Amino acid sequence: MKYLVAAAFVLIIGSLASAFISMMRSKSANPKMVRSLALRVGFSIALFLTILVLAKLGYIKPTGIR
């Protein structure tokens, strides 16, 4: 489970980096940058929903602040 969450974070950061590089190379919003940012939002929402579902099913146990 930890590997799934870690892989999702890597995909989110990679998509954000791709959009940043595309934004720095051109001054206007090109389709590659828009697609990268849309993928980042999609990955973030999917990760959030996955964590909620896994917590509800009992695969992830909340530990609180210690």
N, C-alpha and C. Protein backbone atom coordinates (compact mmCIF):
# COMPACT_ATOMS: atom_id res chain seq x y z
N MET A 1 0.81 -1.18 0.00
CA MET A 1 0.00 0.00 0.00
C MET A 1 0.87 1.26 0.00
N LYS A 2 1.95 1.23 0.75
CA LYS A 2 2.85 2.37 0.81
C LYS A 2 3.44 2.66 -0.57
N TYR A 3 3.71 1.59 -1.32
CA TYR A 3 4.31 1.77 -2.64
C TYR A 3 3.32 2.40 -3.61
N LEU A 4 2.04 2.07 -3.48
CA LEU A 4 1.02 2.67 -4.33
C LEU A 4 0.93 4.17 -4.09
N VAL A 5 0.90 4.58 -2.84
CA VAL A 5 0.82 6.00 -2.50
C VAL A 5 2.10 6.73 -2.94
N ALA A 6 3.25 6.10 -2.71
CA ALA A 6 4.51 6.71 -3.12
C ALA A 6 4.58 6.88 -4.64
N ALA A 7 4.12 5.87 -5.38
CA ALA A 7 4.11 5.97 -6.84
C ALA A 7 3.17 7.08 -7.32
N ALA A 8 2.04 7.22 -6.65
CA ALA A 8 1.10 8.28 -7.02
C ALA A 8 1.72 9.66 -6.77
N PHE A 9 2.41 9.82 -5.65
CA PHE A 9 3.07 11.09 -5.38
C PHE A 9 4.15 11.39 -6.42
N VAL A 10 4.88 10.38 -6.84
CA VAL A 10 5.91 10.57 -7.86
C VAL A 10 5.26 11.00 -9.18
N LEU A 11 4.15 10.39 -9.55
CA LEU A 11 3.44 10.78 -10.77
C LEU A 11 2.94 12.22 -10.68
N ILE A 12 2.42 12.61 -9.52
CA ILE A 12 1.92 13.98 -9.35
C ILE A 12 3.06 14.99 -9.48
N ILE A 13 4.18 14.73 -8.81
CA ILE A 13 5.32 15.64 -8.88
C ILE A 13 5.91 15.67 -10.29
N GLY A 14 5.98 14.52 -10.95
CA GLY A 14 6.49 14.47 -12.33
C GLY A 14 5.62 15.27 -13.29
N SER A 15 4.31 15.16 -13.13
CA SER A 15 3.40 15.92 -13.98
C SER A 15 3.54 17.41 -13.73
N LEU A 16 3.70 17.79 -12.47
CA LEU A 16 3.89 19.21 -12.14
C LEU A 16 5.21 19.73 -12.71
N ALA A 17 6.27 18.94 -12.64
CA ALA A 17 7.56 19.33 -13.19
C ALA A 17 7.48 19.48 -14.71
N SER A 18 6.77 18.57 -15.36
CA SER A 18 6.61 18.65 -16.81
C SER A 18 5.88 19.93 -17.21
N ALA A 19 4.84 20.29 -16.47
CA ALA A 19 4.11 21.53 -16.77
C ALA A 19 4.99 22.74 -16.52
N PHE A 20 5.79 22.70 -15.46
CA PHE A 20 6.67 23.82 -15.16
C PHE A 20 7.71 24.02 -16.26
N ILE A 21 8.32 22.95 -16.72
CA ILE A 21 9.31 23.03 -17.80
C ILE A 21 8.66 23.57 -19.07
N SER A 22 7.47 23.07 -19.38
CA SER A 22 6.76 23.54 -20.57
C SER A 22 6.41 25.02 -20.45
N MET A 23 6.04 25.45 -19.25
CA MET A 23 5.68 26.85 -19.03
C MET A 23 6.91 27.75 -19.17
N MET A 24 8.05 27.30 -18.72
CA MET A 24 9.27 28.10 -18.79
C MET A 24 9.79 28.22 -20.22
N ARG A 25 9.55 27.22 -21.04
CA ARG A 25 10.04 27.25 -22.42
C ARG A 25 9.21 28.14 -23.33
N SER A 26 7.92 28.25 -23.06
CA SER A 26 7.08 29.11 -23.90
C SER A 26 6.32 30.08 -23.01
N LYS A 27 6.03 31.22 -23.55
CA LYS A 27 5.37 32.27 -22.78
C LYS A 27 3.86 32.11 -22.73
N SER A 28 3.28 31.39 -23.67
CA SER A 28 1.83 31.21 -23.68
C SER A 28 1.48 29.79 -23.23
N ALA A 29 0.23 29.60 -22.89
CA ALA A 29 -0.23 28.28 -22.45
C ALA A 29 -0.36 27.36 -23.66
N ASN A 30 0.51 26.39 -23.74
CA ASN A 30 0.44 25.44 -24.85
C ASN A 30 -0.30 24.18 -24.40
N PRO A 31 -0.73 23.35 -25.32
CA PRO A 31 -1.51 22.16 -24.96
C PRO A 31 -0.76 21.18 -24.06
N LYS A 32 0.57 21.10 -24.19
CA LYS A 32 1.32 20.17 -23.35
C LYS A 32 1.25 20.59 -21.88
N MET A 33 1.36 21.88 -21.63
CA MET A 33 1.30 22.37 -20.26
C MET A 33 -0.09 22.14 -19.68
N VAL A 34 -1.11 22.42 -20.44
CA VAL A 34 -2.49 22.25 -19.98
C VAL A 34 -2.75 20.78 -19.67
N ARG A 35 -2.28 19.90 -20.54
CA ARG A 35 -2.46 18.45 -20.33
C ARG A 35 -1.72 17.99 -19.08
N SER A 36 -0.51 18.49 -18.86
CA SER A 36 0.26 18.10 -17.68
C SER A 36 -0.43 18.55 -16.40
N LEU A 37 -0.94 19.76 -16.40
CA LEU A 37 -1.64 20.25 -15.21
C LEU A 37 -2.95 19.50 -14.98
N ALA A 38 -3.64 19.15 -16.07
CA ALA A 38 -4.88 18.38 -15.93
C ALA A 38 -4.58 16.98 -15.38
N LEU A 39 -3.48 16.38 -15.82
CA LEU A 39 -3.09 15.07 -15.28
C LEU A 39 -2.75 15.17 -13.80
N ARG A 40 -2.09 16.25 -13.41
CA ARG A 40 -1.74 16.43 -12.01
C ARG A 40 -3.00 16.52 -11.15
N VAL A 41 -3.97 17.29 -11.61
CA VAL A 41 -5.22 17.40 -10.86
C VAL A 41 -5.93 16.05 -10.80
N GLY A 42 -5.94 15.34 -11.91
CA GLY A 42 -6.56 14.01 -11.93
C GLY A 42 -5.87 13.03 -11.00
N PHE A 43 -4.53 13.02 -11.01
CA PHE A 43 -3.78 12.13 -10.11
C PHE A 43 -4.04 12.49 -8.65
N SER A 44 -4.10 13.78 -8.35
CA SER A 44 -4.33 14.22 -6.98
C SER A 44 -5.70 13.79 -6.48
N ILE A 45 -6.71 13.97 -7.31
CA ILE A 45 -8.07 13.56 -6.93
C ILE A 45 -8.14 12.05 -6.77
N ALA A 46 -7.53 11.31 -7.69
CA ALA A 46 -7.54 9.85 -7.61
C ALA A 46 -6.82 9.37 -6.34
N LEU A 47 -5.70 9.98 -5.99
CA LEU A 47 -4.97 9.59 -4.78
C LEU A 47 -5.82 9.88 -3.55
N PHE A 48 -6.45 11.04 -3.50
CA PHE A 48 -7.28 11.41 -2.36
C PHE A 48 -8.43 10.42 -2.19
N LEU A 49 -9.12 10.11 -3.28
CA LEU A 49 -10.24 9.17 -3.21
C LEU A 49 -9.78 7.76 -2.84
N THR A 50 -8.61 7.35 -3.35
CA THR A 50 -8.07 6.04 -3.01
C THR A 50 -7.76 5.94 -1.52
N ILE A 51 -7.16 6.98 -0.97
CA ILE A 51 -6.85 6.98 0.46
C ILE A 51 -8.13 6.94 1.28
N LEU A 52 -9.16 7.68 0.88
CA LEU A 52 -10.43 7.66 1.60
C LEU A 52 -11.07 6.27 1.58
N VAL A 53 -11.08 5.64 0.41
CA VAL A 53 -11.68 4.32 0.27
C VAL A 53 -10.90 3.28 1.07
N LEU A 54 -9.57 3.32 0.98
CA LEU A 54 -8.76 2.35 1.71
C LEU A 54 -8.90 2.54 3.22
N ALA A 55 -9.04 3.75 3.68
CA ALA A 55 -9.26 3.99 5.11
C ALA A 55 -10.62 3.46 5.53
N LYS A 56 -11.63 3.66 4.70
CA LYS A 56 -12.98 3.17 5.01
C LYS A 56 -13.02 1.65 5.04
N LEU A 57 -12.27 1.00 4.16
CA LEU A 57 -12.23 -0.47 4.12
C LEU A 57 -11.33 -1.07 5.19
N GLY A 58 -10.55 -0.24 5.87
CA GLY A 58 -9.71 -0.74 6.95
C GLY A 58 -8.29 -1.09 6.57
N TYR A 59 -7.90 -0.82 5.34
CA TYR A 59 -6.54 -1.12 4.91
C TYR A 59 -5.53 -0.11 5.46
N ILE A 60 -6.00 1.11 5.72
CA ILE A 60 -5.16 2.14 6.30
C ILE A 60 -5.75 2.49 7.66
N LYS A 61 -4.93 2.40 8.70
CA LYS A 61 -5.40 2.70 10.04
C LYS A 61 -4.90 4.08 10.47
N PRO A 62 -5.80 4.96 10.91
CA PRO A 62 -5.35 6.26 11.39
C PRO A 62 -4.60 6.11 12.70
N THR A 63 -3.48 6.80 12.83
CA THR A 63 -2.67 6.70 14.04
C THR A 63 -2.73 7.97 14.86
N GLY A 64 -3.18 9.06 14.30
CA GLY A 64 -3.27 10.32 15.04
C GLY A 64 -1.90 10.95 15.21
N ILE A 65 -1.88 12.04 15.96
CA ILE A 65 -0.63 12.75 16.22
C ILE A 65 -0.08 12.26 17.54
N ARG A 66 1.18 11.90 17.54
CA ARG A 66 1.80 11.39 18.77
C ARG A 66 2.78 12.37 19.33
